[in-house]
N, C-alpha and C. Protein backbone atom coordinates (compact mmCIF):
# COMPACT_ATOMS: atom_id res chain seq x y z
N MET A 1 -33.58 45.61 24.97
CA MET A 1 -32.74 44.51 25.72
C MET A 1 -33.33 43.47 25.30
N LYS A 2 -34.59 43.15 25.45
CA LYS A 2 -35.35 41.78 25.26
C LYS A 2 -35.11 41.12 23.69
N ILE A 3 -34.76 41.97 22.97
CA ILE A 3 -34.36 41.28 21.65
C ILE A 3 -33.00 40.87 21.54
N LEU A 4 -32.15 41.57 22.40
CA LEU A 4 -30.83 41.30 22.53
C LEU A 4 -30.71 40.15 23.24
N VAL A 5 -31.39 39.63 24.12
CA VAL A 5 -31.40 38.56 25.00
C VAL A 5 -31.90 37.04 24.03
N LEU A 6 -33.03 37.49 23.40
CA LEU A 6 -33.91 36.44 22.36
C LEU A 6 -32.72 36.27 21.34
N LEU A 7 -32.41 37.02 20.73
CA LEU A 7 -31.30 36.86 19.56
C LEU A 7 -29.86 36.02 20.20
N VAL A 8 -29.19 36.16 21.72
CA VAL A 8 -28.46 35.39 22.11
C VAL A 8 -28.96 34.13 22.18
N ILE A 9 -30.11 33.94 22.65
CA ILE A 9 -30.85 32.62 23.17
C ILE A 9 -30.84 31.49 21.65
N VAL A 10 -31.33 32.58 20.58
CA VAL A 10 -31.63 32.06 19.27
C VAL A 10 -30.38 31.48 18.86
N VAL A 11 -29.44 32.49 18.58
CA VAL A 11 -28.13 31.92 18.31
C VAL A 11 -27.32 30.81 19.04
N GLY A 12 -27.69 30.94 20.13
CA GLY A 12 -26.97 29.82 20.93
C GLY A 12 -27.63 28.33 20.70
N ALA A 13 -28.74 28.34 20.42
CA ALA A 13 -29.62 27.53 20.50
C ALA A 13 -29.41 26.83 19.02
N ALA A 14 -29.04 27.55 18.07
CA ALA A 14 -28.41 27.12 16.88
C ALA A 14 -27.29 26.92 16.50
N ALA A 15 -26.27 27.48 17.08
CA ALA A 15 -25.08 26.86 17.51
C ALA A 15 -25.01 25.30 17.75
N PHE A 16 -25.80 25.07 19.28
CA PHE A 16 -25.89 24.01 19.87
C PHE A 16 -26.39 22.64 18.78
N PHE A 17 -27.70 23.54 18.28
CA PHE A 17 -28.39 22.35 17.36
C PHE A 17 -27.29 21.76 16.28
N LEU A 18 -26.66 22.72 15.70
CA LEU A 18 -25.29 22.45 14.32
C LEU A 18 -24.43 21.43 15.08
N ALA A 19 -24.07 21.98 16.32
CA ALA A 19 -23.09 21.21 16.72
C ALA A 19 -23.46 19.68 16.88
N LEU A 20 -24.63 19.30 17.69
CA LEU A 20 -25.38 17.74 17.78
C LEU A 20 -25.51 17.42 16.41
N MET A 21 -25.66 18.27 15.41
CA MET A 21 -25.97 17.66 14.32
C MET A 21 -24.67 17.05 13.80
N LYS A 22 -23.93 17.62 13.83
CA LYS A 22 -22.28 17.64 13.18
C LYS A 22 -22.02 16.21 14.20
N VAL A 23 -21.97 15.90 15.49
CA VAL A 23 -21.61 14.98 15.92
C VAL A 23 -22.20 13.64 15.43
N ARG A 24 -23.94 13.60 15.24
CA ARG A 24 -24.62 12.94 14.75
C ARG A 24 -24.38 12.12 13.60
N TRP A 25 -24.25 13.36 12.73
CA TRP A 25 -23.67 12.94 11.08
C TRP A 25 -22.67 12.25 10.80
N SER A 26 -21.50 12.63 11.80
CA SER A 26 -20.24 11.77 11.92
C SER A 26 -20.19 10.58 12.59
N GLY A 27 -21.39 10.49 13.23
CA GLY A 27 -21.62 9.14 13.95
C GLY A 27 -20.07 9.11 15.17
N GLU A 28 -19.52 10.11 15.48
CA GLU A 28 -18.27 10.30 16.22
C GLU A 28 -18.55 10.90 17.34
N SER A 29 -18.22 10.91 18.53
CA SER A 29 -18.26 11.84 19.90
C SER A 29 -16.55 12.31 19.89
N GLY A 30 -16.43 13.17 20.60
CA GLY A 30 -15.19 13.66 21.17
C GLY A 30 -14.23 13.01 22.28
N LYS A 31 -15.30 12.06 22.90
CA LYS A 31 -14.96 11.81 24.35
C LYS A 31 -14.06 10.20 23.84
N GLU A 32 -14.75 9.74 22.77
CA GLU A 32 -14.11 8.31 21.98
C GLU A 32 -13.08 8.40 21.32
N GLY A 33 -12.91 9.74 20.56
CA GLY A 33 -11.70 9.88 19.67
C GLY A 33 -12.73 9.94 18.46
N SER A 34 -11.90 10.39 17.46
CA SER A 34 -12.49 10.27 16.04
C SER A 34 -11.98 9.86 14.99
N SER A 35 -12.26 9.69 13.86
CA SER A 35 -11.24 9.19 12.85
C SER A 35 -10.68 10.04 12.38
N ALA A 36 -10.63 11.37 12.84
CA ALA A 36 -9.96 12.46 12.32
C ALA A 36 -8.60 12.56 13.50
N ASP A 37 -8.70 11.62 14.17
CA ASP A 37 -7.78 11.53 15.23
C ASP A 37 -6.55 10.53 14.75
N TYR A 38 -6.31 10.44 13.66
CA TYR A 38 -5.74 9.17 12.79
C TYR A 38 -4.91 9.53 11.57
N GLU A 39 -3.57 9.09 11.60
CA GLU A 39 -3.51 9.18 10.19
C GLU A 39 -2.75 7.74 9.47
N LYS A 40 -2.78 7.77 8.36
CA LYS A 40 -2.34 6.72 7.58
C LYS A 40 -0.64 6.15 7.56
N LEU A 41 -0.34 4.94 7.90
CA LEU A 41 1.14 4.87 7.96
C LEU A 41 1.53 4.84 6.76
N GLY A 42 2.82 4.98 6.67
CA GLY A 42 3.42 4.73 4.93
C GLY A 42 3.20 3.31 4.24
N SER A 43 3.72 2.45 5.60
CA SER A 43 3.47 0.87 4.88
C SER A 43 3.29 0.15 6.17
N VAL A 44 2.76 -0.76 6.26
CA VAL A 44 2.01 -1.99 7.14
C VAL A 44 3.56 -2.36 7.93
N LEU A 45 4.50 -2.80 6.86
CA LEU A 45 5.60 -3.57 7.23
C LEU A 45 6.80 -2.58 7.31
N SER A 46 7.95 -2.98 8.15
CA SER A 46 9.03 -2.05 8.32
C SER A 46 9.98 -2.46 7.11
N PRO A 47 10.69 -1.50 6.62
CA PRO A 47 11.80 -2.02 5.60
C PRO A 47 12.79 -3.32 5.54
N ALA A 48 12.60 -3.88 6.67
CA ALA A 48 13.06 -5.19 6.99
C ALA A 48 12.29 -6.08 7.10
N GLU A 49 11.26 -5.74 7.26
CA GLU A 49 10.24 -6.64 6.98
C GLU A 49 9.62 -7.09 5.47
N ARG A 50 9.84 -6.08 5.00
CA ARG A 50 9.38 -5.95 3.48
C ARG A 50 10.50 -6.81 2.90
N THR A 51 11.90 -6.66 3.07
CA THR A 51 12.53 -7.38 2.44
C THR A 51 12.94 -8.87 2.62
N PHE A 52 12.30 -9.21 4.23
CA PHE A 52 12.53 -10.46 4.29
C PHE A 52 11.18 -10.92 3.43
N LEU A 53 10.36 -10.20 3.55
CA LEU A 53 9.06 -10.83 3.09
C LEU A 53 9.17 -10.98 1.29
N GLY A 54 9.90 -10.38 1.18
CA GLY A 54 9.98 -10.66 -0.56
C GLY A 54 11.19 -11.89 -0.99
N ILE A 55 11.67 -12.12 0.23
CA ILE A 55 12.79 -13.26 -0.12
C ILE A 55 12.19 -14.17 0.35
N MET A 56 11.39 -14.44 1.07
CA MET A 56 10.59 -15.58 2.12
C MET A 56 9.55 -16.03 1.21
N ALA A 57 8.44 -15.22 0.53
CA ALA A 57 7.45 -15.36 -0.37
C ALA A 57 7.31 -16.59 -1.10
N PRO A 58 8.81 -16.16 -2.03
CA PRO A 58 8.82 -17.22 -3.27
C PRO A 58 9.42 -18.68 -2.99
N LEU A 59 9.97 -18.42 -1.46
CA LEU A 59 10.29 -19.95 -1.50
C LEU A 59 9.28 -20.88 -0.41
N LEU A 60 7.95 -20.34 -0.65
CA LEU A 60 6.81 -21.31 0.07
C LEU A 60 6.72 -21.88 -0.76
N PRO A 61 6.17 -23.24 -0.49
CA PRO A 61 5.62 -24.30 -1.30
C PRO A 61 4.21 -23.93 -2.16
N GLN A 62 3.90 -24.47 -3.03
CA GLN A 62 2.86 -24.48 -3.75
C GLN A 62 1.49 -24.52 -2.81
N GLY A 63 0.77 -23.60 -2.85
CA GLY A 63 -0.35 -23.73 -2.25
C GLY A 63 -0.39 -23.14 -0.43
N VAL A 64 0.91 -22.48 -0.15
CA VAL A 64 0.88 -21.85 1.13
C VAL A 64 1.07 -20.46 0.79
N GLY A 65 -0.06 -19.86 1.47
CA GLY A 65 0.28 -18.12 1.12
C GLY A 65 0.59 -17.72 2.73
N VAL A 66 0.78 -16.55 2.68
CA VAL A 66 1.59 -15.48 3.74
C VAL A 66 0.54 -14.49 3.98
N LEU A 67 0.15 -14.22 5.35
CA LEU A 67 -0.52 -12.97 5.59
C LEU A 67 0.21 -12.05 6.95
N VAL A 68 0.18 -11.01 6.63
CA VAL A 68 1.03 -10.29 7.85
C VAL A 68 0.21 -9.48 8.99
N LYS A 69 0.89 -9.61 9.93
CA LYS A 69 0.43 -8.61 10.83
C LYS A 69 -0.94 -9.18 11.31
N VAL A 70 -1.18 -10.21 11.81
CA VAL A 70 -2.51 -11.06 11.87
C VAL A 70 -2.74 -10.94 13.69
N ARG A 71 -3.63 -10.49 14.27
CA ARG A 71 -4.13 -10.61 15.53
C ARG A 71 -4.45 -12.09 15.91
N LEU A 72 -4.19 -12.48 16.90
CA LEU A 72 -3.75 -13.60 17.31
C LEU A 72 -5.53 -13.75 17.49
N ALA A 73 -6.55 -13.10 17.88
CA ALA A 73 -7.94 -13.19 17.78
C ALA A 73 -8.55 -13.46 16.72
N GLU A 74 -7.75 -13.58 15.19
CA GLU A 74 -8.03 -13.86 13.88
C GLU A 74 -7.71 -15.66 14.08
N VAL A 75 -7.17 -16.03 14.87
CA VAL A 75 -6.37 -17.26 14.78
C VAL A 75 -6.87 -18.57 15.83
N PHE A 76 -7.30 -17.64 17.11
CA PHE A 76 -7.64 -18.56 18.02
C PHE A 76 -8.86 -17.89 18.88
N VAL A 77 -9.35 -18.81 19.64
CA VAL A 77 -10.68 -18.00 20.21
C VAL A 77 -10.29 -18.64 21.76
N PRO A 78 -11.30 -18.12 22.91
CA PRO A 78 -10.79 -18.67 24.04
C PRO A 78 -11.66 -20.05 23.95
N ARG A 79 -10.92 -21.04 24.71
CA ARG A 79 -11.38 -22.16 24.72
C ARG A 79 -12.95 -22.21 25.29
N ARG A 80 -14.15 -23.41 24.74
CA ARG A 80 -15.18 -23.84 25.41
C ARG A 80 -15.06 -23.91 27.18
N GLY A 81 -15.64 -23.72 27.63
CA GLY A 81 -16.03 -24.17 29.14
C GLY A 81 -15.15 -23.43 30.20
N LEU A 82 -14.62 -22.05 29.69
CA LEU A 82 -14.24 -21.10 30.40
C LEU A 82 -15.25 -20.47 31.36
N GLU A 83 -14.69 -20.29 32.54
CA GLU A 83 -15.89 -19.52 33.39
C GLU A 83 -15.93 -17.78 32.39
N ALA A 84 -17.04 -17.42 32.79
CA ALA A 84 -16.98 -15.88 31.82
C ALA A 84 -16.06 -15.06 31.90
N PRO A 85 -15.45 -14.87 33.23
CA PRO A 85 -14.53 -13.61 33.57
C PRO A 85 -13.30 -14.21 32.94
N ARG A 86 -13.15 -15.27 33.30
CA ARG A 86 -11.95 -15.96 32.27
C ARG A 86 -11.69 -15.73 31.14
N ARG A 87 -12.83 -16.43 30.70
CA ARG A 87 -13.18 -16.22 28.76
C ARG A 87 -13.09 -14.61 28.44
N ARG A 88 -13.38 -13.69 29.29
CA ARG A 88 -13.40 -12.56 28.73
C ARG A 88 -11.91 -11.76 28.59
N ALA A 89 -11.26 -12.52 29.78
CA ALA A 89 -9.76 -11.90 30.16
C ALA A 89 -8.93 -12.50 29.05
N ALA A 90 -9.11 -13.93 28.67
CA ALA A 90 -8.50 -14.51 27.63
C ALA A 90 -8.38 -13.81 26.31
N GLY A 91 -9.89 -13.51 25.74
CA GLY A 91 -10.21 -13.03 24.82
C GLY A 91 -9.36 -11.32 24.87
N ASP A 92 -9.53 -10.79 25.92
CA ASP A 92 -8.85 -9.71 25.54
C ASP A 92 -7.26 -9.76 25.46
N ARG A 93 -6.81 -10.60 25.99
CA ARG A 93 -5.09 -10.87 25.96
C ARG A 93 -4.77 -11.10 24.22
N ILE A 94 -5.67 -11.81 23.79
CA ILE A 94 -5.40 -12.50 22.12
C ILE A 94 -6.02 -11.50 21.39
N ARG A 95 -6.78 -10.36 21.73
CA ARG A 95 -7.11 -9.31 21.22
C ARG A 95 -5.80 -7.87 20.63
N GLY A 96 -4.93 -8.44 21.66
CA GLY A 96 -4.14 -7.00 21.87
C GLY A 96 -2.76 -7.79 20.88
N GLU A 97 -2.49 -9.04 20.77
CA GLU A 97 -1.48 -9.54 20.47
C GLU A 97 -1.76 -10.02 19.02
N THR A 98 -0.26 -9.56 17.90
CA THR A 98 -0.48 -10.34 16.57
C THR A 98 0.63 -10.92 16.51
N VAL A 99 0.87 -11.95 15.48
CA VAL A 99 2.20 -12.44 14.87
C VAL A 99 2.64 -11.72 13.49
N ASP A 100 3.81 -11.76 13.39
CA ASP A 100 4.30 -10.98 12.45
C ASP A 100 3.59 -11.30 10.94
N PHE A 101 3.89 -12.83 10.85
CA PHE A 101 3.41 -13.44 9.67
C PHE A 101 3.07 -14.80 9.81
N LEU A 102 1.67 -15.16 9.10
CA LEU A 102 0.93 -16.22 9.36
C LEU A 102 0.83 -16.64 8.03
N LEU A 103 1.50 -18.21 8.14
CA LEU A 103 1.34 -19.22 6.79
C LEU A 103 0.16 -19.84 7.00
N VAL A 104 -0.60 -19.76 5.94
CA VAL A 104 -2.14 -20.19 5.61
C VAL A 104 -2.21 -21.10 4.45
N ARG A 105 -2.88 -22.35 4.51
CA ARG A 105 -3.40 -23.27 3.23
C ARG A 105 -3.93 -21.78 2.35
N ALA A 106 -3.60 -21.73 1.08
CA ALA A 106 -4.26 -20.65 0.40
C ALA A 106 -5.64 -20.93 0.06
N GLU A 107 -5.63 -22.28 0.02
CA GLU A 107 -7.24 -22.74 -0.65
C GLU A 107 -8.27 -22.50 0.22
N ASP A 108 -8.10 -22.21 1.61
CA ASP A 108 -8.81 -22.17 2.30
C ASP A 108 -8.68 -21.46 3.71
N PHE A 109 -7.40 -20.24 3.83
CA PHE A 109 -6.95 -19.94 4.70
C PHE A 109 -7.00 -20.53 6.19
N SER A 110 -6.50 -21.66 6.18
CA SER A 110 -6.87 -22.17 7.44
C SER A 110 -4.87 -22.11 7.77
N PRO A 111 -4.75 -21.75 9.02
CA PRO A 111 -3.28 -21.53 9.41
C PRO A 111 -2.70 -22.59 9.42
N LEU A 112 -1.45 -22.33 9.14
CA LEU A 112 -0.56 -23.51 8.96
C LEU A 112 0.73 -23.23 10.21
N ALA A 113 1.14 -21.97 10.28
CA ALA A 113 2.44 -21.84 11.18
C ALA A 113 2.48 -20.31 11.37
N GLY A 114 3.07 -20.15 12.38
CA GLY A 114 3.13 -18.41 12.95
C GLY A 114 4.50 -18.18 12.78
N MET A 115 5.08 -17.29 12.34
CA MET A 115 6.39 -16.36 12.46
C MET A 115 6.59 -14.93 12.84
N ALA A 116 7.79 -15.45 13.76
CA ALA A 116 8.03 -13.80 14.35
C ALA A 116 9.36 -13.26 13.62
N PHE A 117 9.28 -12.00 13.24
CA PHE A 117 10.58 -11.37 12.81
C PHE A 117 10.95 -10.05 13.66
N GLN A 118 12.33 -10.98 14.39
CA GLN A 118 13.07 -10.02 15.18
C GLN A 118 13.96 -9.02 14.57
N GLU A 119 13.35 -7.77 14.49
CA GLU A 119 14.43 -6.68 14.18
C GLU A 119 15.65 -6.34 14.82
N GLU A 120 15.17 -6.25 16.04
CA GLU A 120 16.28 -5.84 17.38
C GLU A 120 15.99 -6.81 18.20
N VAL A 121 17.16 -7.05 18.71
CA VAL A 121 17.17 -7.86 20.21
C VAL A 121 16.70 -6.86 21.48
N ARG A 122 15.49 -7.16 22.04
CA ARG A 122 14.96 -6.59 22.95
C ARG A 122 14.93 -7.48 24.11
N ARG A 123 15.90 -7.16 25.15
CA ARG A 123 15.94 -8.13 26.47
C ARG A 123 15.13 -7.28 27.64
N GLY A 124 13.81 -7.71 27.60
CA GLY A 124 13.12 -7.08 28.32
C GLY A 124 11.85 -8.21 29.00
N GLU A 125 11.71 -8.24 30.16
CA GLU A 125 10.90 -9.14 30.91
C GLU A 125 9.45 -9.23 30.45
N SER A 126 8.83 -7.74 30.03
CA SER A 126 7.66 -7.81 29.40
C SER A 126 7.63 -8.57 28.19
N LYS A 127 8.73 -8.23 27.21
CA LYS A 127 8.80 -8.46 25.67
C LYS A 127 8.95 -10.12 25.93
N ALA A 128 9.62 -10.53 26.96
CA ALA A 128 10.00 -12.27 27.00
C ALA A 128 8.82 -12.88 27.49
N ALA A 129 7.82 -12.21 28.28
CA ALA A 129 6.58 -12.74 28.73
C ALA A 129 5.87 -13.03 27.22
N ARG A 130 5.67 -11.93 26.54
CA ARG A 130 4.85 -11.83 25.28
C ARG A 130 5.27 -12.46 24.17
N THR A 131 6.70 -12.83 24.15
CA THR A 131 7.14 -13.53 23.23
C THR A 131 6.79 -15.17 23.49
N TYR A 132 6.85 -15.49 25.03
CA TYR A 132 6.54 -16.76 25.41
C TYR A 132 5.09 -17.29 25.14
N PHE A 133 4.16 -16.12 25.41
CA PHE A 133 2.65 -16.14 25.18
C PHE A 133 2.45 -16.67 24.01
N VAL A 134 2.87 -15.96 23.05
CA VAL A 134 2.25 -16.06 21.87
C VAL A 134 3.03 -17.10 21.24
N GLU A 135 4.28 -17.63 21.35
CA GLU A 135 4.47 -18.79 20.97
C GLU A 135 3.89 -20.13 21.52
N ASN A 136 3.62 -19.91 22.77
CA ASN A 136 3.02 -21.18 23.64
C ASN A 136 1.65 -21.39 22.94
N THR A 137 0.92 -20.36 22.71
CA THR A 137 -0.30 -20.43 21.98
C THR A 137 -0.27 -20.88 20.80
N PHE A 138 0.69 -20.84 19.69
CA PHE A 138 0.79 -21.55 18.88
C PHE A 138 0.91 -23.15 19.02
N VAL A 139 1.74 -23.47 19.71
CA VAL A 139 2.60 -24.36 19.91
C VAL A 139 1.56 -25.49 20.63
N ARG A 140 0.42 -25.03 21.90
CA ARG A 140 -0.70 -25.67 22.17
C ARG A 140 -1.46 -26.27 21.34
N ASN A 141 -1.57 -25.08 20.27
CA ASN A 141 -2.84 -25.74 19.49
C ASN A 141 -2.39 -26.27 18.41
N GLY A 142 -1.22 -26.73 18.34
CA GLY A 142 -0.92 -27.61 17.39
C GLY A 142 -0.41 -26.98 15.68
N LEU A 143 0.10 -25.67 16.22
CA LEU A 143 0.72 -24.64 15.15
C LEU A 143 2.14 -24.58 15.24
N PRO A 144 3.29 -24.84 14.72
CA PRO A 144 4.53 -24.72 14.68
C PRO A 144 4.49 -23.06 14.40
N TYR A 145 5.93 -22.57 15.29
CA TYR A 145 6.02 -21.61 15.60
C TYR A 145 7.71 -21.17 15.05
N LEU A 146 8.08 -19.82 14.46
CA LEU A 146 9.55 -19.79 14.14
C LEU A 146 9.99 -18.87 14.05
N THR A 147 10.88 -18.05 14.87
CA THR A 147 11.18 -16.86 14.99
C THR A 147 12.87 -16.78 14.02
N VAL A 148 12.49 -15.72 13.51
CA VAL A 148 13.59 -15.19 12.10
C VAL A 148 13.91 -13.94 12.58
N ALA A 149 15.55 -13.91 12.89
CA ALA A 149 15.96 -12.73 13.60
C ALA A 149 16.53 -12.07 11.81
N ALA A 150 16.40 -10.43 12.24
CA ALA A 150 16.52 -9.82 10.76
C ALA A 150 18.12 -10.00 10.45
N GLN A 151 18.39 -9.81 9.49
CA GLN A 151 20.05 -10.19 8.68
C GLN A 151 20.39 -8.99 7.51
N GLU A 152 21.12 -9.11 7.31
CA GLU A 152 21.68 -7.96 6.40
C GLU A 152 21.61 -8.95 5.02
N THR A 153 21.56 -10.13 4.88
CA THR A 153 21.35 -10.90 3.80
C THR A 153 20.90 -12.25 4.49
N TYR A 154 20.09 -13.10 3.72
CA TYR A 154 19.23 -14.32 3.95
C TYR A 154 19.89 -15.54 2.98
N ASP A 155 20.35 -16.30 3.59
CA ASP A 155 20.60 -17.79 2.88
C ASP A 155 19.75 -18.52 2.26
N ALA A 156 19.20 -18.38 0.98
CA ALA A 156 17.89 -18.54 0.53
C ALA A 156 17.67 -20.20 0.61
N ASP A 157 18.62 -20.90 0.73
CA ASP A 157 18.45 -22.67 0.84
C ASP A 157 18.23 -22.60 2.45
N ASP A 158 18.98 -21.95 3.10
CA ASP A 158 18.58 -22.13 4.63
C ASP A 158 17.38 -21.93 5.24
N LEU A 159 16.80 -20.68 4.54
CA LEU A 159 15.45 -20.45 4.79
C LEU A 159 14.61 -21.22 4.38
N ARG A 160 14.40 -21.85 3.25
CA ARG A 160 13.66 -22.95 1.96
C ARG A 160 13.90 -23.95 3.12
N ASP A 161 14.75 -24.72 3.72
CA ASP A 161 14.84 -25.60 4.57
C ASP A 161 14.13 -25.41 5.93
N ARG A 162 14.30 -24.25 6.47
CA ARG A 162 13.77 -24.04 7.70
C ARG A 162 12.08 -24.03 7.63
N LEU A 163 11.57 -23.32 6.36
CA LEU A 163 10.08 -23.20 5.88
C LEU A 163 9.77 -24.60 5.88
N ALA A 164 10.44 -25.23 4.76
CA ALA A 164 10.19 -26.91 4.94
C ALA A 164 10.00 -27.53 5.87
N SER A 165 10.80 -27.66 6.97
CA SER A 165 11.04 -28.14 8.06
C SER A 165 9.67 -27.59 9.02
N LEU A 166 9.40 -26.62 9.11
CA LEU A 166 8.23 -25.77 9.89
C LEU A 166 6.94 -26.28 9.04
N LEU A 167 6.75 -26.68 8.08
CA LEU A 167 5.48 -26.57 7.55
C LEU A 167 5.22 -28.24 7.42
N GLY A 168 6.00 -29.18 7.56
CA GLY A 168 6.16 -30.67 7.54
C GLY A 168 5.88 -30.92 8.99
N ARG A 169 6.19 -30.12 9.89
CA ARG A 169 5.85 -30.64 11.12
C ARG A 169 4.27 -30.34 11.43
N GLN A 170 3.95 -29.09 10.65
CA GLN A 170 2.32 -29.04 10.57
C GLN A 170 1.95 -30.37 10.14
N ARG A 171 2.19 -30.64 8.79
CA ARG A 171 1.60 -31.67 8.01
C ARG A 171 1.63 -32.92 8.68
N ALA A 172 2.56 -33.15 9.73
CA ALA A 172 2.57 -34.41 10.71
C ALA A 172 1.69 -34.41 11.30
N ARG A 173 1.29 -32.89 12.00
CA ARG A 173 0.23 -32.68 13.31
C ARG A 173 -1.06 -32.87 12.48
N GLY A 174 -1.17 -32.34 11.36
CA GLY A 174 -2.70 -31.99 10.57
C GLY A 174 -3.07 -33.57 10.12
């Protein structure tokens, strides 16, 4: 009987040790989730966004690049002088928001303008508040913002003019 109890303890300890080593080796614990909880998307952009980007990118002036799905926290930081709780709240708010397309100066990747791409019309209070927040954050910081609705076809001349106007407003400010 003593041998059976000793064997159960040894096997249990070995199993615990192996499980502990697996968690430490992977650097992940089950409570916070693990890299095994995710799967790769087929594309970062929807088919409509890819189509739009394919039409828009060649229309951009020389020296202007485009980044996609950029977090606002990569473009803005909470302003200096805010009290700690408000600064944390402001940081949390922009960490969770993105801009569909960010136009940047190609030489140094400084932001020039933000663009929203609307694939569908969503009329909701939270969507309107989010849209207002993102657009207002750009404008209050001297960066123009343009919303483009998804369409079956795009008029390249009209889009080129809108982009030139958008970037012209930025250059006039900058």
